[in-house]
Amino acid sequence: MSNSIVSQIKRDHIMNLLAEGKREDGRQFDEFRKIEVETGLIESADGSAKVKLGDTIVMAGIKIVPGVPYPDAPADGTLTTGMELIPMAHPEFESGPPSEDAIEMARVVDRGIRESGMIDVKKLCIKEGESIWMVFLDIYAIDHCGNLFDAATIASVCALRTAKIPWKQYFPEMEKEDEPLPVTCIPISVTEHKIGNDLIVDPNFDEEAIATARLTVTTDENGNYRAMQKGGKGSITRGDLSLCLDRAVEIGKQIRSIIG
């Protein structure tokens, strides 16, 4: 994370490599690590996915339960997103209430899903003004080796795509079969980190730790920009922004082709 300590020798090594157009693991500046996805791993969940992004591992689980709608949206279902950075994932993570980093990550993932309209919340209405389906998305960092933002988004999207609404569990009298969530699109985030004057995607832990700024851009499969979040104290120039936007669209396409 941004407050991690990296030795000056290591920092200089990374900076010198970037100045030569190189990265420690040989990747290009706009190249992601290998992505592996497994779904349906949690039997008690209504949907789940584990994503391995390089050595970073994130798990997402979905629980769908009936509830009462908000007064100002009587026919809309709801989505609630939470994230935990458990101590097992990295020595700097501590048990207890969600940290500021965990809260920020959950908000970034939630915003990308919500602003893209990935879930058609109108179709989560059971009885207008009385009952709707509430979708709870829980994300867990299992192993933190850089870029939890994008790993969490991919895991969340894959979990939501495999989730089923448990009609038979809660409303057996209706004789309805369980059905998939009403998914309308596949939002994918691409997070760029700025080190010196260079922008790189999918940083490993050390690259992420020495970055001065971060920009997450979420797109849908039509190339529309759906959400954006800046982090870090450094600046993002207009030229940086243009590059990030272009990369988000192209890399988003690549990731969608991988996750299917």
Protein backbone atom coordinates (compact mmCIF):
# COMPACT_ATOMS: atom_id res chain seq x y z
CA MET A 1 0.00 0.00 0.00
CA SER A 2 1.01 3.63 -0.21
CA ASN A 3 2.36 3.73 3.34
CA SER A 4 4.62 0.70 2.91
CA ILE A 5 8.34 1.07 3.42
CA VAL A 6 10.58 0.21 0.48
CA SER A 7 14.34 0.50 0.82
CA GLN A 8 16.06 3.29 -1.06
CA ILE A 9 18.10 0.73 -2.97
CA LYS A 10 14.95 -1.03 -4.13
CA ARG A 11 13.30 2.27 -4.99
CA ASP A 12 16.28 3.39 -7.06
CA HIS A 13 16.37 0.02 -8.83
CA ILE A 14 12.72 0.26 -9.87
CA MET A 15 13.13 3.90 -10.95
CA ASN A 16 16.24 3.12 -13.01
CA LEU A 17 14.47 0.25 -14.77
CA LEU A 18 11.48 2.45 -15.59
CA ALA A 19 13.80 5.08 -17.01
CA GLU A 20 15.00 2.37 -19.42
CA GLY A 21 11.43 1.40 -20.27
CA LYS A 22 11.63 -1.80 -18.23
CA ARG A 23 9.94 -3.39 -15.23
CA GLU A 24 11.30 -5.91 -12.73
CA ASP A 25 9.34 -8.83 -14.14
CA GLY A 26 9.89 -7.92 -17.78
CA ARG A 27 6.36 -6.67 -18.46
CA GLN A 28 5.50 -3.66 -20.59
CA PHE A 29 4.12 -0.57 -18.84
CA ASP A 30 0.60 -1.43 -20.06
CA GLU A 31 0.77 -5.19 -19.45
CA PHE A 32 -1.20 -7.05 -16.77
CA ARG A 33 0.04 -10.11 -14.96
CA LYS A 34 -1.61 -13.46 -15.70
CA ILE A 35 -5.26 -13.59 -14.64
CA GLU A 36 -6.84 -16.81 -13.36
CA VAL A 37 -10.49 -17.07 -12.31
CA GLU A 38 -12.38 -19.78 -10.45
CA THR A 39 -16.10 -19.52 -9.67
CA GLY A 40 -18.59 -21.38 -7.48
CA LEU A 41 -16.09 -22.13 -4.74
CA ILE A 42 -18.25 -21.15 -1.73
CA GLU A 43 -21.18 -23.54 -1.37
CA SER A 44 -23.03 -21.37 1.15
CA ALA A 45 -22.88 -18.28 -1.10
CA ASP A 46 -25.30 -17.43 -3.89
CA GLY A 47 -22.31 -16.68 -6.10
CA SER A 48 -18.54 -16.59 -5.61
CA ALA A 49 -15.27 -16.13 -7.44
CA LYS A 50 -11.56 -16.28 -6.70
CA VAL A 51 -9.17 -14.25 -8.83
CA LYS A 52 -5.43 -14.72 -9.00
CA LEU A 53 -3.71 -11.71 -10.57
CA GLY A 54 -0.04 -12.62 -10.61
CA ASP A 55 0.46 -13.56 -6.97
CA THR A 56 -2.36 -11.31 -5.72
CA ILE A 57 -5.41 -13.35 -4.68
CA VAL A 58 -8.87 -11.97 -3.98
CA MET A 59 -12.11 -13.80 -3.13
CA ALA A 60 -15.61 -12.37 -3.62
CA GLY A 61 -18.85 -13.83 -2.30
CA ILE A 62 -22.48 -12.91 -2.97
CA LYS A 63 -25.44 -13.26 -0.60
CA ILE A 64 -28.94 -12.36 -1.80
CA VAL A 65 -31.77 -11.96 0.70
CA PRO A 66 -35.24 -10.38 0.65
CA GLY A 67 -35.65 -7.00 2.32
CA VAL A 68 -37.64 -3.78 2.43
CA PRO A 69 -36.94 -1.14 -0.26
CA TYR A 70 -35.93 2.44 0.47
CA PRO A 71 -38.90 4.83 0.57
CA ASP A 72 -37.53 6.89 -2.34
CA ALA A 73 -36.93 3.78 -4.50
CA PRO A 74 -39.86 1.45 -3.77
CA ALA A 75 -39.25 -0.76 -6.81
CA ASP A 76 -35.42 -0.95 -6.74
CA GLY A 77 -33.28 -3.71 -5.29
CA THR A 78 -30.07 -2.79 -3.50
CA LEU A 79 -26.35 -3.58 -3.64
CA THR A 80 -24.06 -3.31 -0.62
CA THR A 81 -20.31 -3.82 -1.01
CA GLY A 82 -17.73 -4.46 1.70
CA MET A 83 -14.06 -5.40 1.66
CA GLU A 84 -11.73 -6.87 4.25
CA LEU A 85 -7.93 -6.78 4.19
CA ILE A 86 -7.27 -9.75 6.44
CA PRO A 87 -3.91 -10.17 8.22
CA MET A 88 -3.22 -13.36 6.30
CA ALA A 89 -2.95 -11.32 3.11
CA HIS A 90 -0.04 -9.12 4.24
CA PRO A 91 1.83 -8.26 7.46
CA GLU A 92 0.67 -4.63 7.34
CA PHE A 93 -3.02 -5.62 7.52
CA GLU A 94 -4.58 -5.80 10.98
CA SER A 95 -7.69 -7.48 12.30
CA GLY A 96 -10.60 -5.36 13.47
CA PRO A 97 -12.92 -2.87 11.77
CA PRO A 98 -12.32 -2.15 8.06
CA SER A 99 -9.36 0.16 7.49
CA GLU A 100 -9.50 3.33 5.38
CA ASP A 101 -7.84 1.44 2.55
CA ALA A 102 -10.46 -1.33 2.68
CA ILE A 103 -13.28 1.21 2.73
CA GLU A 104 -11.83 3.07 -0.26
CA MET A 105 -11.40 -0.14 -2.26
CA ALA A 106 -14.96 -1.23 -1.53
CA ARG A 107 -16.24 2.17 -2.66
CA VAL A 108 -14.25 2.08 -5.89
CA VAL A 109 -15.50 -1.41 -6.74
CA ASP A 110 -19.07 -0.51 -5.76
CA ARG A 111 -19.03 2.69 -7.81
CA GLY A 112 -17.85 0.89 -10.94
CA ILE A 113 -20.61 -1.71 -10.63
CA ARG A 114 -23.30 0.76 -9.63
CA GLU A 115 -22.51 3.52 -12.16
CA SER A 116 -22.26 1.04 -15.02
CA GLY A 117 -25.69 -0.31 -14.17
CA MET A 118 -24.28 -3.83 -14.16
CA ILE A 119 -27.22 -5.05 -12.07
CA ASP A 120 -30.69 -4.05 -13.26
CA VAL A 121 -32.05 -3.17 -9.81
CA LYS A 122 -35.57 -2.71 -11.22
CA LYS A 123 -35.67 -6.46 -11.82
CA LEU A 124 -34.86 -7.12 -8.15
CA CYS A 125 -38.32 -5.99 -7.07
CA ILE A 126 -40.47 -8.69 -5.48
CA LYS A 127 -43.46 -6.50 -4.59
CA GLU A 128 -43.24 -2.76 -5.12
CA GLY A 129 -43.05 -0.79 -1.90
CA GLU A 130 -42.92 -3.95 0.21
CA SER A 131 -40.21 -6.40 -0.75
CA ILE A 132 -37.06 -6.42 -2.87
CA TRP A 133 -33.91 -8.48 -3.23
CA MET A 134 -30.84 -7.10 -1.42
CA VAL A 135 -27.48 -8.10 -2.88
CA PHE A 136 -24.51 -8.20 -0.51
CA LEU A 137 -21.04 -8.33 -2.06
CA ASP A 138 -18.21 -9.25 0.30
CA ILE A 139 -14.60 -9.07 -0.92
CA TYR A 140 -11.57 -10.54 0.86
CA ALA A 141 -7.91 -9.97 0.07
CA ILE A 142 -6.25 -13.37 0.51
CA ASP A 143 -2.73 -12.51 -0.69
CA HIS A 144 -1.62 -8.93 -1.39
CA CYS A 145 1.11 -8.66 -4.01
CA GLY A 146 -0.09 -5.44 -5.62
CA ASN A 147 -3.15 -4.04 -7.39
CA LEU A 148 -5.97 -5.14 -5.11
CA PHE A 149 -8.27 -2.59 -6.77
CA ASP A 150 -8.46 -4.36 -10.12
CA ALA A 151 -8.29 -7.86 -8.66
CA ALA A 152 -11.25 -7.00 -6.42
CA THR A 153 -13.25 -5.64 -9.34
CA ILE A 154 -12.63 -8.72 -11.48
CA ALA A 155 -13.53 -11.06 -8.61
CA SER A 156 -16.69 -9.08 -7.84
CA VAL A 157 -17.84 -9.02 -11.46
CA CYS A 158 -17.25 -12.75 -11.87
CA ALA A 159 -19.07 -13.54 -8.62
CA LEU A 160 -22.07 -11.40 -9.60
CA ARG A 161 -22.24 -13.00 -13.03
CA THR A 162 -22.50 -16.48 -11.48
CA ALA A 163 -24.89 -15.54 -8.66
CA LYS A 164 -28.46 -16.81 -8.59
CA ILE A 165 -31.47 -15.30 -6.86
CA PRO A 166 -32.61 -17.89 -4.26
CA TRP A 167 -36.35 -17.91 -4.94
CA LYS A 168 -36.83 -21.50 -3.77
CA GLN A 169 -35.13 -20.83 -0.42
CA TYR A 170 -37.21 -17.80 0.57
CA PHE A 171 -40.41 -18.13 -1.46
CA PRO A 172 -41.08 -21.84 -2.06
CA GLU A 173 -44.80 -21.16 -2.30
CA MET A 174 -44.23 -19.16 -5.47
CA GLU A 175 -42.81 -22.24 -7.22
CA LYS A 176 -40.21 -20.15 -9.01
CA GLU A 177 -36.83 -21.51 -10.03
CA ASP A 178 -33.66 -19.78 -8.88
CA GLU A 179 -32.50 -17.41 -11.58
CA PRO A 180 -29.32 -15.46 -12.44
CA LEU A 181 -28.95 -11.87 -11.34
CA PRO A 182 -30.10 -9.46 -14.08
CA VAL A 183 -26.63 -8.53 -15.38
CA THR A 184 -26.57 -5.90 -18.13
CA CYS A 185 -22.83 -5.34 -18.74
CA ILE A 186 -19.33 -6.27 -17.62
CA PRO A 187 -17.54 -3.33 -15.95
CA ILE A 188 -13.77 -3.65 -15.70
CA SER A 189 -11.42 -1.31 -13.87
CA VAL A 190 -7.85 -0.53 -14.89
CA THR A 191 -5.70 1.15 -12.24
CA GLU A 192 -2.64 3.12 -13.29
CA HIS A 193 0.11 4.05 -10.84
CA LYS A 194 2.46 6.97 -11.43
CA ILE A 195 6.11 6.56 -10.54
CA GLY A 196 8.17 9.58 -11.44
CA ASN A 197 6.77 10.59 -14.81
CA ASP A 198 5.80 7.07 -15.83
CA LEU A 199 2.40 5.40 -15.67
CA ILE A 200 2.20 1.64 -15.23
CA VAL A 201 -0.74 -0.74 -14.94
CA ASP A 202 -1.13 -3.67 -12.55
CA PRO A 203 1.84 -2.81 -10.28
CA ASN A 204 3.47 -5.41 -8.09
CA PHE A 205 3.69 -4.63 -4.38
CA ASP A 206 6.98 -2.69 -4.51
CA GLU A 207 5.95 -0.65 -7.56
CA GLU A 208 2.67 0.26 -5.89
CA ALA A 209 4.45 1.22 -2.67
CA ILE A 210 6.64 3.88 -4.30
CA ALA A 211 3.96 5.36 -6.58
CA THR A 212 2.96 8.97 -5.96
CA ALA A 213 -0.47 8.87 -7.59
CA ARG A 214 -3.10 6.36 -8.66
CA LEU A 215 -6.00 6.56 -11.09
CA THR A 216 -8.68 3.87 -11.46
CA VAL A 217 -10.89 4.03 -14.56
CA THR A 218 -13.84 1.67 -15.02
CA THR A 219 -15.30 1.02 -18.47
CA ASP A 220 -18.01 -1.16 -19.96
CA GLU A 221 -17.74 -3.34 -23.06
CA ASN A 222 -18.90 -0.49 -25.28
CA GLY A 223 -15.91 1.61 -24.25
CA ASN A 224 -17.96 3.96 -22.09
CA TYR A 225 -16.28 5.47 -19.04
CA ARG A 226 -18.39 4.58 -16.02
CA ALA A 227 -16.36 5.56 -12.98
CA MET A 228 -13.06 7.17 -12.01
CA GLN A 229 -11.16 7.52 -8.74
CA LYS A 230 -7.82 9.20 -8.01
CA GLY A 231 -5.63 8.34 -5.07
CA GLY A 232 -2.26 9.44 -3.74
CA LYS A 233 -0.84 12.91 -3.24
CA GLY A 234 0.88 13.21 -6.62
CA SER A 235 -0.58 14.90 -9.68
CA ILE A 236 -2.22 13.45 -12.77
CA THR A 237 -1.69 15.69 -15.81
CA ARG A 238 -4.07 16.08 -18.72
CA GLY A 239 -1.71 13.95 -20.79
CA ASP A 240 -1.64 11.30 -18.06
CA LEU A 241 -5.43 11.27 -17.97
CA SER A 242 -5.69 10.82 -21.73
CA LEU A 243 -3.29 7.87 -21.62
CA CYS A 244 -5.15 6.28 -18.69
CA LEU A 245 -8.49 6.59 -20.46
CA ASP A 246 -7.19 5.01 -23.66
CA ARG A 247 -5.52 2.17 -21.80
CA ALA A 248 -8.61 1.51 -19.69
CA VAL A 249 -10.66 0.82 -22.81
CA GLU A 250 -8.10 -1.41 -24.53
CA ILE A 251 -7.03 -3.35 -21.44
CA GLY A 252 -10.66 -3.70 -20.40
CA LYS A 253 -11.28 -5.54 -23.69
CA GLN A 254 -8.34 -7.85 -23.02
CA ILE A 255 -9.54 -8.70 -19.51
CA ARG A 256 -13.10 -9.41 -20.69
CA SER A 257 -11.74 -11.84 -23.29
CA ILE A 258 -9.91 -13.66 -20.49
CA ILE A 259 -12.78 -13.92 -18.01
CA GLY A 260 -15.27 -14.85 -20.76
